[in-house]
Amino acid sequence: QVQLVESGGGLVQPGGSLRLSCAASERIFSFYSVGWYRRAPGKQREMVASITRGGRTNYADAAWGRFTITRDNAENTVYLQMNSLKPEDTAVYYCNGQFSPVTQPYWGQGTQVTVSS
């Protein structure tokens, strides 16, 4: 059973930073792609950032320039560094991993990020 466990969420003031972690039960390098998604209250889930096995990254427009996704193969963990946080970044953030582009993705349980003064 593949498990993805997110951590690092919390309450932060606007302009602050958080680093989310996604720890995998499998070798993180075995995933074709690992991504971060979020679901804000009353909104649909949206992709935030992703990183492929080859290291290619992709960001949503809202994350571009503020968020950075990285992968630590030794720790089997993918990180999302979030800077200059805004209230509209408030959401539950989920980690997603796929072994190939056509296989079912695996999801973590989510971690709450709240940006508020």
PDB file of N, CA and C in Angstrom:
ATOM      1  N   GLN A   1       0.842  -1.188   0.000  1.00  0.00           N
ATOM      2  CA  GLN A   1       0.000   0.000   0.000  1.00  0.00           C
ATOM      3  C   GLN A   1       0.881   1.243   0.000  1.00  0.00           C
ATOM      4  N   VAL A   2       0.738   2.035  -1.062  1.00  0.00           N
ATOM      5  CA  VAL A   2       1.513   3.267  -1.168  1.00  0.00           C
ATOM      6  C   VAL A   2       0.913   4.316  -0.248  1.00  0.00           C
ATOM      7  N   GLN A   3       1.762   4.959   0.507  1.00  0.00           N
ATOM      8  CA  GLN A   3       1.297   6.023   1.394  1.00  0.00           C
ATOM      9  C   GLN A   3       2.064   7.303   1.148  1.00  0.00           C
ATOM     10  N   LEU A   4       1.334   8.394   1.142  1.00  0.00           N
ATOM     11  CA  LEU A   4       1.909   9.724   1.063  1.00  0.00           C
ATOM     12  C   LEU A   4       1.410  10.493   2.278  1.00  0.00           C
ATOM     13  N   VAL A   5       2.321  11.037   3.048  1.00  0.00           N
ATOM     14  CA  VAL A   5       1.956  11.715   4.291  1.00  0.00           C
ATOM     15  C   VAL A   5       2.447  13.151   4.245  1.00  0.00           C
ATOM     16  N   GLU A   6       1.496  14.082   4.281  1.00  0.00           N
ATOM     17  CA  GLU A   6       1.837  15.502   4.268  1.00  0.00           C
ATOM     18  C   GLU A   6       2.018  16.017   5.689  1.00  0.00           C
ATOM     19  N   SER A   7       2.842  17.019   5.816  1.00  0.00           N
ATOM     20  CA  SER A   7       3.024  17.717   7.081  1.00  0.00           C
ATOM     21  C   SER A   7       3.535  19.119   6.793  1.00  0.00           C
ATOM     22  N   GLY A   8       3.515  19.950   7.830  1.00  0.00           N
ATOM     23  CA  GLY A   8       4.074  21.288   7.700  1.00  0.00           C
ATOM     24  C   GLY A   8       3.056  22.401   7.590  1.00  0.00           C
ATOM     25  N   GLY A   9       1.789  22.053   7.518  1.00  0.00           N
ATOM     26  CA  GLY A   9       0.769  23.085   7.444  1.00  0.00           C
ATOM     27  C   GLY A   9       0.620  23.819   8.766  1.00  0.00           C
ATOM     28  N   GLY A  10      -0.173  24.881   8.740  1.00  0.00           N
ATOM     29  CA  GLY A  10      -0.398  25.636   9.953  1.00  0.00           C
ATOM     30  C   GLY A  10      -0.973  26.992   9.664  1.00  0.00           C
ATOM     31  N   LEU A  11      -0.943  27.842  10.678  1.00  0.00           N
ATOM     32  CA  LEU A  11      -1.432  29.205  10.580  1.00  0.00           C
ATOM     33  C   LEU A  11      -0.246  30.149  10.417  1.00  0.00           C
ATOM     34  N   VAL A  12      -0.321  30.995   9.421  1.00  0.00           N
ATOM     35  CA  VAL A  12       0.764  31.935   9.161  1.00  0.00           C
ATOM     36  C   VAL A  12       0.163  33.274   8.752  1.00  0.00           C
ATOM     37  N   GLN A  13       0.863  34.342   9.058  1.00  0.00           N
ATOM     38  CA  GLN A  13       0.391  35.670   8.686  1.00  0.00           C
ATOM     39  C   GLN A  13       0.676  35.940   7.216  1.00  0.00           C
ATOM     40  N   PRO A  14      -0.098  36.831   6.613  1.00  0.00           N
ATOM     41  CA  PRO A  14       0.189  37.213   5.225  1.00  0.00           C
ATOM     42  C   PRO A  14       1.629  37.689   5.083  1.00  0.00           C
ATOM     43  N   GLY A  15       2.258  37.246   4.004  1.00  0.00           N
ATOM     44  CA  GLY A  15       3.665  37.565   3.783  1.00  0.00           C
ATOM     45  C   GLY A  15       4.620  36.555   4.368  1.00  0.00           C
ATOM     46  N   GLY A  16       4.111  35.640   5.174  1.00  0.00           N
ATOM     47  CA  GLY A  16       4.947  34.640   5.809  1.00  0.00           C
ATOM     48  C   GLY A  16       5.256  33.458   4.905  1.00  0.00           C
ATOM     49  N   SER A  17       5.950  32.483   5.489  1.00  0.00           N
ATOM     50  CA  SER A  17       6.390  31.315   4.730  1.00  0.00           C
ATOM     51  C   SER A  17       6.045  30.028   5.469  1.00  0.00           C
ATOM     52  N   LEU A  18       5.889  28.977   4.697  1.00  0.00           N
ATOM     53  CA  LEU A  18       5.731  27.632   5.232  1.00  0.00           C
ATOM     54  C   LEU A  18       6.419  26.670   4.279  1.00  0.00           C
ATOM     55  N   ARG A  19       6.870  25.554   4.829  1.00  0.00           N
ATOM     56  CA  ARG A  19       7.397  24.484   3.993  1.00  0.00           C
ATOM     57  C   ARG A  19       6.596  23.225   4.263  1.00  0.00           C
ATOM     58  N   LEU A  20       5.939  22.742   3.238  1.00  0.00           N
ATOM     59  CA  LEU A  20       5.185  21.506   3.342  1.00  0.00           C
ATOM     60  C   LEU A  20       6.069  20.331   2.930  1.00  0.00           C
ATOM     61  N   SER A  21       5.848  19.203   3.572  1.00  0.00           N
ATOM     62  CA  SER A  21       6.585  17.984   3.255  1.00  0.00           C
ATOM     63  C   SER A  21       5.612  16.882   2.856  1.00  0.00           C
ATOM     64  N   CYS A  22       6.019  16.086   1.905  1.00  0.00           N
ATOM     65  CA  CYS A  22       5.256  14.913   1.485  1.00  0.00           C
ATOM     66  C   CYS A  22       6.205  13.718   1.560  1.00  0.00           C
ATOM     67  N   ALA A  23       6.019  12.897   2.575  1.00  0.00           N
ATOM     68  CA  ALA A  23       6.867  11.726   2.773  1.00  0.00           C
ATOM     69  C   ALA A  23       6.202  10.505   2.153  1.00  0.00           C
ATOM     70  N   ALA A  24       6.948   9.788   1.328  1.00  0.00           N
ATOM     71  CA  ALA A  24       6.399   8.639   0.607  1.00  0.00           C
ATOM     72  C   ALA A  24       6.879   7.326   1.222  1.00  0.00           C
ATOM     73  N   SER A  25       6.006   6.326   1.165  1.00  0.00           N
ATOM     74  CA  SER A  25       6.373   4.997   1.661  1.00  0.00           C
ATOM     75  C   SER A  25       7.187   4.238   0.624  1.00  0.00           C
ATOM     76  N   GLU A  26       7.177   4.728  -0.620  1.00  0.00           N
ATOM     77  CA  GLU A  26       7.975   4.161  -1.685  1.00  0.00           C
ATOM     78  C   GLU A  26       9.146   5.102  -1.976  1.00  0.00           C
ATOM     79  N   ARG A  27      10.114   4.569  -2.721  1.00  0.00           N
ATOM     80  CA  ARG A  27      11.201   5.442  -3.142  1.00  0.00           C
ATOM     81  C   ARG A  27      10.615   6.566  -3.990  1.00  0.00           C
ATOM     82  N   ILE A  28      10.886   7.795  -3.587  1.00  0.00           N
ATOM     83  CA  ILE A  28      10.271   8.927  -4.278  1.00  0.00           C
ATOM     84  C   ILE A  28      10.704   8.956  -5.732  1.00  0.00           C
ATOM     85  N   PHE A  29      11.882   8.399  -6.013  1.00  0.00           N
ATOM     86  CA  PHE A  29      12.362   8.412  -7.389  1.00  0.00           C
ATOM     87  C   PHE A  29      11.563   7.465  -8.264  1.00  0.00           C
ATOM     88  N   SER A  30      10.825   6.545  -7.657  1.00  0.00           N
ATOM     89  CA  SER A  30      10.031   5.602  -8.430  1.00  0.00           C
ATOM     90  C   SER A  30       8.776   6.231  -9.001  1.00  0.00           C
ATOM     91  N   PHE A  31       8.413   7.396  -8.494  1.00  0.00           N
ATOM     92  CA  PHE A  31       7.232   8.082  -9.004  1.00  0.00           C
ATOM     93  C   PHE A  31       7.576   8.825 -10.288  1.00  0.00           C
ATOM     94  N   TYR A  32       6.711   8.704 -11.294  1.00  0.00           N
ATOM     95  CA  TYR A  32       6.877   9.474 -12.518  1.00  0.00           C
ATOM     96  C   TYR A  32       6.718  10.965 -12.204  1.00  0.00           C
ATOM     97  N   SER A  33       5.764  11.266 -11.343  1.00  0.00           N
ATOM     98  CA  SER A  33       5.484  12.659 -11.014  1.00  0.00           C
ATOM     99  C   SER A  33       4.910  12.747  -9.610  1.00  0.00           C
ATOM    100  N   VAL A  34       5.306  13.743  -8.890  1.00  0.00           N
ATOM    101  CA  VAL A  34       4.734  14.049  -7.578  1.00  0.00           C
ATOM    102  C   VAL A  34       4.302  15.506  -7.612  1.00  0.00           C
ATOM    103  N   GLY A  35       3.104  15.747  -7.126  1.00  0.00           N
ATOM    104  CA  GLY A  35       2.596  17.108  -7.179  1.00  0.00           C
ATOM    105  C   GLY A  35       1.895  17.525  -5.908  1.00  0.00           C
ATOM    106  N   TRP A  36       1.727  18.808  -5.805  1.00  0.00           N
ATOM    107  CA  TRP A  36       0.944  19.406  -4.720  1.00  0.00           C
ATOM    108  C   TRP A  36      -0.317  20.005  -5.324  1.00  0.00           C
ATOM    109  N   TYR A  37      -1.441  19.716  -4.678  1.00  0.00           N
ATOM    110  CA  TYR A  37      -2.728  20.263  -5.055  1.00  0.00           C
ATOM    111  C   TYR A  37      -3.321  20.933  -3.826  1.00  0.00           C
ATOM    112  N   ARG A  38      -4.318  21.753  -4.051  1.00  0.00           N
ATOM    113  CA  ARG A  38      -4.996  22.367  -2.912  1.00  0.00           C
ATOM    114  C   ARG A  38      -6.477  22.521  -3.208  1.00  0.00           C
ATOM    115  N   ARG A  39      -7.232  22.533  -2.118  1.00  0.00           N
ATOM    116  CA  ARG A  39      -8.666  22.777  -2.232  1.00  0.00           C
ATOM    117  C   ARG A  39      -9.038  23.821  -1.205  1.00  0.00           C
ATOM    118  N   ALA A  40      -9.459  24.974  -1.693  1.00  0.00           N
ATOM    119  CA  ALA A  40      -9.918  26.049  -0.820  1.00  0.00           C
ATOM    120  C   ALA A  40     -11.402  25.872  -0.536  1.00  0.00           C
ATOM    121  N   PRO A  41     -11.887  26.425   0.547  1.00  0.00           N
ATOM    122  CA  PRO A  41     -13.313  26.299   0.882  1.00  0.00           C
ATOM    123  C   PRO A  41     -14.198  26.786  -0.265  1.00  0.00           C
ATOM    124  N   GLY A  42     -15.136  25.936  -0.675  1.00  0.00           N
ATOM    125  CA  GLY A  42     -16.063  26.309  -1.723  1.00  0.00           C
ATOM    126  C   GLY A  42     -15.506  26.273  -3.129  1.00  0.00           C
ATOM    127  N   LYS A  43     -14.272  25.802  -3.287  1.00  0.00           N
ATOM    128  CA  LYS A  43     -13.651  25.765  -4.607  1.00  0.00           C
ATOM    129  C   LYS A  43     -13.240  24.345  -4.971  1.00  0.00           C
ATOM    130  N   GLN A  44     -12.972  24.160  -6.253  1.00  0.00           N
ATOM    131  CA  GLN A  44     -12.495  22.860  -6.714  1.00  0.00           C
ATOM    132  C   GLN A  44     -11.010  22.709  -6.427  1.00  0.00           C
ATOM    133  N   ARG A  45     -10.588  21.457  -6.359  1.00  0.00           N
ATOM    134  CA  ARG A  45      -9.171  21.188  -6.158  1.00  0.00           C
ATOM    135  C   ARG A  45      -8.383  21.655  -7.378  1.00  0.00           C
ATOM    136  N   GLU A  46      -7.223  22.241  -7.145  1.00  0.00           N
ATOM    137  CA  GLU A  46      -6.387  22.737  -8.226  1.00  0.00           C
ATOM    138  C   GLU A  46      -4.941  22.338  -8.010  1.00  0.00           C
ATOM    139  N   MET A  47      -4.247  22.177  -9.125  1.00  0.00           N
ATOM    140  CA  MET A  47      -2.830  21.846  -9.063  1.00  0.00           C
ATOM    141  C   MET A  47      -2.057  23.089  -8.662  1.00  0.00           C
ATOM    142  N   VAL A  48      -1.070  22.895  -7.800  1.00  0.00           N
ATOM    143  CA  VAL A  48      -0.215  23.988  -7.356  1.00  0.00           C
ATOM    144  C   VAL A  48       1.159  23.885  -7.996  1.00  0.00           C
ATOM    145  N   ALA A  49       1.764  22.711  -7.878  1.00  0.00           N
ATOM    146  CA  ALA A  49       3.103  22.501  -8.424  1.00  0.00           C
ATOM    147  C   ALA A  49       3.346  21.009  -8.572  1.00  0.00           C
ATOM    148  N   SER A  50       4.228  20.657  -9.479  1.00  0.00           N
ATOM    149  CA  SER A  50       4.577  19.251  -9.655  1.00  0.00           C
ATOM    150  C   SER A  50       6.031  19.133 -10.081  1.00  0.00           C
ATOM    151  N   ILE A  51       6.568  17.939  -9.857  1.00  0.00           N
ATOM    152  CA  ILE A  51       7.949  17.663 -10.253  1.00  0.00           C
ATOM    153  C   ILE A  51       8.014  16.241 -10.789  1.00  0.00           C
ATOM    154  N   THR A  52       8.686  16.074 -11.915  1.00  0.00           N
ATOM    155  CA  THR A  52       8.777  14.752 -12.518  1.00  0.00           C
ATOM    156  C   THR A  52      10.029  14.026 -12.045  1.00  0.00           C
ATOM    157  N   ARG A  53      10.104  12.769 -12.415  1.00  0.00           N
ATOM    158  CA  ARG A  53      11.277  11.957 -12.071  1.00  0.00           C
ATOM    159  C   ARG A  53      12.547  12.598 -12.623  1.00  0.00           C
ATOM    160  N   GLY A  54      12.405  13.226 -13.780  1.00  0.00           N
ATOM    161  CA  GLY A  54      13.568  13.862 -14.396  1.00  0.00           C
ATOM    162  C   GLY A  54      13.882  15.239 -13.840  1.00  0.00           C
ATOM    163  N   GLY A  55      13.049  15.693 -12.901  1.00  0.00           N
ATOM    164  CA  GLY A  55      13.323  16.985 -12.274  1.00  0.00           C
ATOM    165  C   GLY A  55      12.612  18.169 -12.899  1.00  0.00           C
ATOM    166  N   ARG A  56      11.787  17.902 -13.903  1.00  0.00           N
ATOM    167  CA  ARG A  56      11.047  19.000 -14.529  1.00  0.00           C
ATOM    168  C   ARG A  56       9.953  19.465 -13.585  1.00  0.00           C
ATOM    169  N   THR A  57       9.853  20.770 -13.414  1.00  0.00           N
ATOM    170  CA  THR A  57       8.850  21.335 -12.518  1.00  0.00           C
ATOM    171  C   THR A  57       7.785  22.094 -13.307  1.00  0.00           C
ATOM    172  N   ASN A  58       6.628  22.169 -12.706  1.00  0.00           N
ATOM    173  CA  ASN A  58       5.506  22.885 -13.302  1.00  0.00           C
ATOM    174  C   ASN A  58       4.759  23.586 -12.184  1.00  0.00           C
ATOM    175  N   TYR A  59       4.351  24.821 -12.435  1.00  0.00           N
ATOM    176  CA  TYR A  59       3.675  25.604 -11.407  1.00  0.00           C
ATOM    177  C   TYR A  59       2.392  26.217 -11.956  1.00  0.00           C
ATOM    178  N   ALA A  60       1.414  26.306 -11.077  1.00  0.00           N
ATOM    179  CA  ALA A  60       0.222  27.078 -11.415  1.00  0.00           C
ATOM    180  C   ALA A  60       0.593  28.554 -11.429  1.00  0.00           C
ATOM    181  N   ASP A  61      -0.150  29.334 -12.168  1.00  0.00           N
ATOM    182  CA  ASP A  61       0.140  30.768 -12.235  1.00  0.00           C
ATOM    183  C   ASP A  61       0.157  31.400 -10.853  1.00  0.00           C
ATOM    184  N   ALA A  62      -0.747  30.952  -9.987  1.00  0.00           N
ATOM    185  CA  ALA A  62      -0.847  31.544  -8.647  1.00  0.00           C
ATOM    186  C   ALA A  62       0.371  31.245  -7.787  1.00  0.00           C
ATOM    187  N   ALA A  63       1.092  30.184  -8.132  1.00  0.00           N
ATOM    188  CA  ALA A  63       2.248  29.772  -7.341  1.00  0.00           C
ATOM    189  C   ALA A  63       3.558  30.281  -7.918  1.00  0.00           C
ATOM    190  N   TRP A  64       3.539  30.659  -9.168  1.00  0.00           N
ATOM    191  CA  TRP A  64       4.764  31.037  -9.872  1.00  0.00           C
ATOM    192  C   TRP A  64       5.472  32.190  -9.175  1.00  0.00           C
ATOM    193  N   GLY A  65       6.748  31.989  -8.897  1.00  0.00           N
ATOM    194  CA  GLY A  65       7.563  33.027  -8.280  1.00  0.00           C
ATOM    195  C   GLY A  65       7.493  33.075  -6.768  1.00  0.00           C
ATOM    196  N   ARG A  66       6.534  32.360  -6.185  1.00  0.00           N
ATOM    197  CA  ARG A  66       6.409  32.362  -4.720  1.00  0.00           C
ATOM    198  C   ARG A  66       6.649  30.991  -4.119  1.00  0.00           C
ATOM    199  N   PHE A  67       6.277  29.943  -4.864  1.00  0.00           N
ATOM    200  CA  PHE A  67       6.395  28.574  -4.359  1.00  0.00           C
ATOM    201  C   PHE A  67       7.503  27.849  -5.113  1.00  0.00           C
ATOM    202  N   THR A  68       8.157  26.935  -4.413  1.00  0.00           N
ATOM    203  CA  THR A  68       9.192  26.117  -5.038  1.00  0.00           C
ATOM    204  C   THR A  68       9.006  24.668  -4.616  1.00  0.00           C
ATOM    205  N   ILE A  69       8.942  23.784  -5.597  1.00  0.00           N
ATOM    206  CA  ILE A  69       8.829  22.354  -5.310  1.00  0.00           C
ATOM    207  C   ILE A  69      10.196  21.706  -5.521  1.00  0.00           C
ATOM    208  N   THR A  70      10.580  20.880  -4.552  1.00  0.00           N
ATOM    209  CA  THR A  70      11.856  20.174  -4.648  1.00  0.00           C
ATOM    210  C   THR A  70      11.667  18.731  -4.191  1.00  0.00           C
ATOM    211  N   ARG A  71      12.654  17.918  -4.525  1.00  0.00           N
ATOM    212  CA  ARG A  71      12.569  16.499  -4.185  1.00  0.00           C
ATOM    213  C   ARG A  71      13.876  16.054  -3.548  1.00  0.00           C
ATOM    214  N   ASP A  72      13.784  15.319  -2.453  1.00  0.00           N
ATOM    215  CA  ASP A  72      14.958  14.764  -1.789  1.00  0.00           C
ATOM    216  C   ASP A  72      14.852  13.245  -1.914  1.00  0.00           C
ATOM    217  N   ASN A  73      15.596  12.674  -2.832  1.00  0.00           N
ATOM    218  CA  ASN A  73      15.504  11.240  -3.078  1.00  0.00           C
ATOM    219  C   ASN A  73      15.966  10.427  -1.874  1.00  0.00           C
ATOM    220  N   ALA A  74      16.959  10.916  -1.178  1.00  0.00           N
ATOM    221  CA  ALA A  74      17.481  10.187  -0.026  1.00  0.00           C
ATOM    222  C   ALA A  74      16.451  10.108   1.098  1.00  0.00           C
ATOM    223  N   GLU A  75      15.640  11.161   1.228  1.00  0.00           N
ATOM    224  CA  GLU A  75      14.627  11.205   2.282  1.00  0.00           C
ATOM    225  C   GLU A  75      13.263  10.725   1.797  1.00  0.00           C
ATOM    226  N   ASN A  76      13.169  10.383   0.495  1.00  0.00           N
ATOM    227  CA  ASN A  76      11.871   9.983  -0.085  1.00  0.00           C
ATOM    228  C   ASN A  76      10.798  11.023   0.204  1.00  0.00           C
ATOM    229  N   THR A  77      11.156  12.267   0.028  1.00  0.00           N
ATOM    230  CA  THR A  77      10.256  13.358   0.400  1.00  0.00           C
ATOM    231  C   THR A  77      10.252  14.428  -0.689  1.00  0.00           C
ATOM    232  N   VAL A  78       9.088  14.974  -0.918  1.00  0.00           N
ATOM    233  CA  VAL A  78       8.935  16.136  -1.799  1.00  0.00           C
ATOM    234  C   VAL A  78       8.488  17.307  -0.939  1.00  0.00           C
ATOM    235  N   TYR A  79       9.091  18.461  -1.178  1.00  0.00           N
ATOM    236  CA  TYR A  79       8.804  19.651  -0.394  1.00  0.00           C
ATOM    237  C   TYR A  79       8.123  20.706  -1.256  1.00  0.00           C
ATOM    238  N   LEU A  80       7.339  21.524  -0.591  1.00  0.00           N
ATOM    239  CA  LEU A  80       6.784  22.716  -1.230  1.00  0.00           C
ATOM    240  C   LEU A  80       7.109  23.895  -0.332  1.00  0.00           C
ATOM    241  N   GLN A  81       8.052  24.697  -0.759  1.00  0.00           N
ATOM    242  CA  GLN A  81       8.396  25.918  -0.042  1.00  0.00           C
ATOM    243  C   GLN A  81       7.472  27.014  -0.520  1.00  0.00           C
ATOM    244  N   MET A  82       6.740  27.605   0.405  1.00  0.00           N
ATOM    245  CA  MET A  82       5.774  28.646   0.067  1.00  0.00           C
ATOM    246  C   MET A  82       6.172  29.943   0.744  1.00  0.00           C
ATOM    247  N   ASN A  83       6.451  30.946  -0.048  1.00  0.00           N
ATOM    248  CA  ASN A  83       6.835  32.259   0.450  1.00  0.00           C
ATOM    249  C   ASN A  83       5.791  33.302   0.055  1.00  0.00           C
ATOM    250  N   SER A  84       5.857  34.442   0.710  1.00  0.00           N
ATOM    251  CA  SER A  84       4.942  35.550   0.405  1.00  0.00           C
ATOM    252  C   SER A  84       3.496  35.067   0.369  1.00  0.00           C
ATOM    253  N   LEU A  85       3.120  34.353   1.397  1.00  0.00           N
ATOM    254  CA  LEU A  85       1.789  33.759   1.421  1.00  0.00           C
ATOM    255  C   LEU A  85       0.705  34.825   1.510  1.00  0.00           C
ATOM    256  N   LYS A  86      -0.412  34.519   0.863  1.00  0.00           N
ATOM    257  CA  LYS A  86      -1.545  35.416   0.814  1.00  0.00           C
ATOM    258  C   LYS A  86      -2.770  34.732   1.414  1.00  0.00           C
ATOM    259  N   PRO A  87      -3.749  35.496   1.870  1.00  0.00           N
ATOM    260  CA  PRO A  87      -4.966  34.858   2.398  1.00  0.00           C
ATOM    261  C   PRO A  87      -5.616  33.898   1.400  1.00  0.00           C
ATOM    262  N   GLU A  88      -5.511  34.189   0.121  1.00  0.00           N
ATOM    263  CA  GLU A  88      -6.112  33.310  -0.880  1.00  0.00           C
ATOM    264  C   GLU A  88      -5.360  31.996  -1.063  1.00  0.00           C
ATOM    265  N   ASP A  89      -4.225  31.849  -0.392  1.00  0.00           N
ATOM    266  CA  ASP A  89      -3.524  30.556  -0.388  1.00  0.00           C
ATOM    267  C   ASP A  89      -4.101  29.606   0.655  1.00  0.00           C
ATOM    268  N   THR A  90      -5.016  30.104   1.467  1.00  0.00           N
ATOM    269  CA  THR A  90      -5.648  29.257   2.478  1.00  0.00           C
ATOM    270  C   THR A  90      -6.374  28.101   1.822  1.00  0.00           C
ATOM    271  N   ALA A  91      -6.031  26.896   2.230  1.00  0.00           N
ATOM    272  CA  ALA A  91      -6.605  25.689   1.619  1.00  0.00           C
ATOM    273  C   ALA A  91      -6.058  24.461   2.337  1.00  0.00           C
ATOM    274  N   VAL A  92      -6.655  23.334   2.017  1.00  0.00           N
ATOM    275  CA  VAL A  92      -6.042  22.060   2.386  1.00  0.00           C
ATOM    276  C   VAL A  92      -5.135  21.657   1.223  1.00  0.00           C
ATOM    277  N   TYR A  93      -3.893  21.360   1.550  1.00  0.00           N
ATOM    278  CA  TYR A  93      -2.905  21.010   0.532  1.00  0.00           C
ATOM    279  C   TYR A  93      -2.689  19.497   0.550  1.00  0.00           C
ATOM    280  N   TYR A  94      -2.749  18.927  -0.648  1.00  0.00           N
ATOM    281  CA  TYR A  94      -2.630  17.484  -0.814  1.00  0.00           C
ATOM    282  C   TYR A  94      -1.425  17.134  -1.682  1.00  0.00           C
ATOM    283  N   CYS A  95      -0.803  16.049  -1.329  1.00  0.00           N
ATOM    284  CA  CYS A  95       0.287  15.495  -2.131  1.00  0.00           C
ATOM    285  C   CYS A  95      -0.280  14.404  -3.028  1.00  0.00           C
ATOM    286  N   ASN A  96       0.224  14.338  -4.250  1.00  0.00           N
ATOM    287  CA  ASN A  96      -0.259  13.395  -5.258  1.00  0.00           C
ATOM    288  C   ASN A  96       0.945  12.741  -5.910  1.00  0.00           C
ATOM    289  N   GLY A  97       0.911  11.436  -6.057  1.00  0.00           N
ATOM    290  CA  GLY A  97       2.011  10.735  -6.708  1.00  0.00           C
ATOM    291  C   GLY A  97       1.508   9.748  -7.740  1.00  0.00           C
ATOM    292  N   GLN A  98       2.172   9.725  -8.890  1.00  0.00           N
ATOM    293  CA  GLN A  98       1.833   8.789  -9.956  1.00  0.00           C
ATOM    294  C   GLN A  98       3.077   8.042 -10.392  1.00  0.00           C
ATOM    295  N   PHE A  99       2.913   6.732 -10.626  1.00  0.00           N
ATOM    296  CA  PHE A  99       4.050   5.940 -11.090  1.00  0.00           C
ATOM    297  C   PHE A  99       4.234   6.067 -12.601  1.00  0.00           C
ATOM    298  N   SER A 100       3.163   6.443 -13.284  1.00  0.00           N
ATOM    299  CA  SER A 100       3.259   6.700 -14.715  1.00  0.00           C
ATOM    300  C   SER A 100       2.126   7.646 -15.086  1.00  0.00           C
ATOM    301  N   PRO A 101       2.191   8.262 -16.286  1.00  0.00           N
ATOM    302  CA  PRO A 101       1.133   9.214 -16.678  1.00  0.00           C
ATOM    303  C   PRO A 101      -0.247   8.588 -16.825  1.00  0.00           C
ATOM    304  N   VAL A 102      -0.330   7.262 -16.937  1.00  0.00           N
ATOM    305  CA  VAL A 102      -1.623   6.627 -17.191  1.00  0.00           C
ATOM    306  C   VAL A 102      -2.109   5.791 -16.022  1.00  0.00           C
ATOM    307  N   THR A 103      -1.395   5.807 -14.915  1.00  0.00           N
ATOM    308  CA  THR A 103      -1.834   5.012 -13.773  1.00  0.00           C
ATOM    309  C   THR A 103      -2.540   5.881 -12.748  1.00  0.00           C
ATOM    310  N   GLN A 104      -3.279   5.210 -11.889  1.00  0.00           N
ATOM    311  CA  GLN A 104      -4.048   5.901 -10.858  1.00  0.00           C
ATOM    312  C   GLN A 104      -3.131   6.654  -9.921  1.00  0.00           C
ATOM    313  N   PRO A 105      -3.440   7.905  -9.629  1.00  0.00           N
ATOM    314  CA  PRO A 105      -2.613   8.635  -8.673  1.00  0.00           C
ATOM    315  C   PRO A 105      -2.932   8.241  -7.235  1.00  0.00           C
ATOM    316  N   TYR A 106      -1.954   8.399  -6.385  1.00  0.00           N
ATOM    317  CA  TYR A 106      -2.128   8.201  -4.952  1.00  0.00           C
ATOM    318  C   TYR A 106      -2.172   9.572  -4.281  1.00  0.00           C
ATOM    319  N   TRP A 107      -2.991   9.659  -3.237  1.00  0.00           N
ATOM    320  CA  TRP A 107      -3.186  10.926  -2.544  1.00  0.00           C
ATOM    321  C   TRP A 107      -2.870  10.786  -1.066  1.00  0.00           C
ATOM    322  N   GLY A 108      -2.348  11.858  -0.512  1.00  0.00           N
ATOM    323  CA  GLY A 108      -2.193  11.929   0.927  1.00  0.00           C
ATOM    324  C   GLY A 108      -3.478  12.423   1.569  1.00  0.00           C
ATOM    325  N   GLN A 109      -3.426  12.571   2.899  1.00  0.00           N
ATOM    326  CA  GLN A 109      -4.630  12.943   3.639  1.00  0.00           C
ATOM    327  C   GLN A 109      -4.834  14.464   3.686  1.00  0.00           C
ATOM    328  N   GLY A 110      -3.811  15.205   3.334  1.00  0.00           N
ATOM    329  CA  GLY A 110      -3.922  16.660   3.301  1.00  0.00           C
ATOM    330  C   GLY A 110      -3.396  17.321   4.560  1.00  0.00           C
ATOM    331  N   THR A 111      -2.983  18.569   4.393  1.00  0.00           N
ATOM    332  CA  THR A 111      -2.546  19.379   5.528  1.00  0.00           C
ATOM    333  C   THR A 111      -3.122  20.781   5.342  1.00  0.00           C
ATOM    334  N   GLN A 112      -3.643  21.339   6.418  1.00  0.00           N
ATOM    335  CA  GLN A 112      -4.330  22.630   6.359  1.00  0.00           C
ATOM    336  C   GLN A 112      -3.317  23.769   6.413  1.00  0.00           C
ATOM    337  N   VAL A 113      -3.468  24.696   5.489  1.00  0.00           N
ATOM    338  CA  VAL A 113      -2.698  25.934   5.498  1.00  0.00           C
ATOM    339  C   VAL A 113      -3.683  27.092   5.620  1.00  0.00           C
ATOM    340  N   THR A 114      -3.477  27.917   6.635  1.00  0.00           N
ATOM    341  CA  THR A 114      -4.339  29.067   6.851  1.00  0.00           C
ATOM    342  C   THR A 114      -3.474  30.321   6.901  1.00  0.00           C
ATOM    343  N   VAL A 115      -3.781  31.253   6.018  1.00  0.00           N
ATOM    344  CA  VAL A 115      -3.041  32.507   5.965  1.00  0.00           C
ATOM    345  C   VAL A 115      -3.984  33.612   6.438  1.00  0.00           C
ATOM    346  N   SER A 116      -3.686  34.137   7.599  1.00  0.00           N
ATOM    347  CA  SER A 116      -4.580  35.114   8.191  1.00  0.00           C
ATOM    348  C   SER A 116      -3.830  35.947   9.217  1.00  0.00           C
ATOM    349  N   SER A 117      -4.245  37.203   9.343  1.00  0.00           N
ATOM    350  CA  SER A 117      -3.660  38.059  10.368  1.00  0.00           C
ATOM    351  C   SER A 117      -4.504  38.023  11.638  1.00  0.00           C
TER     352      SER A 117
END
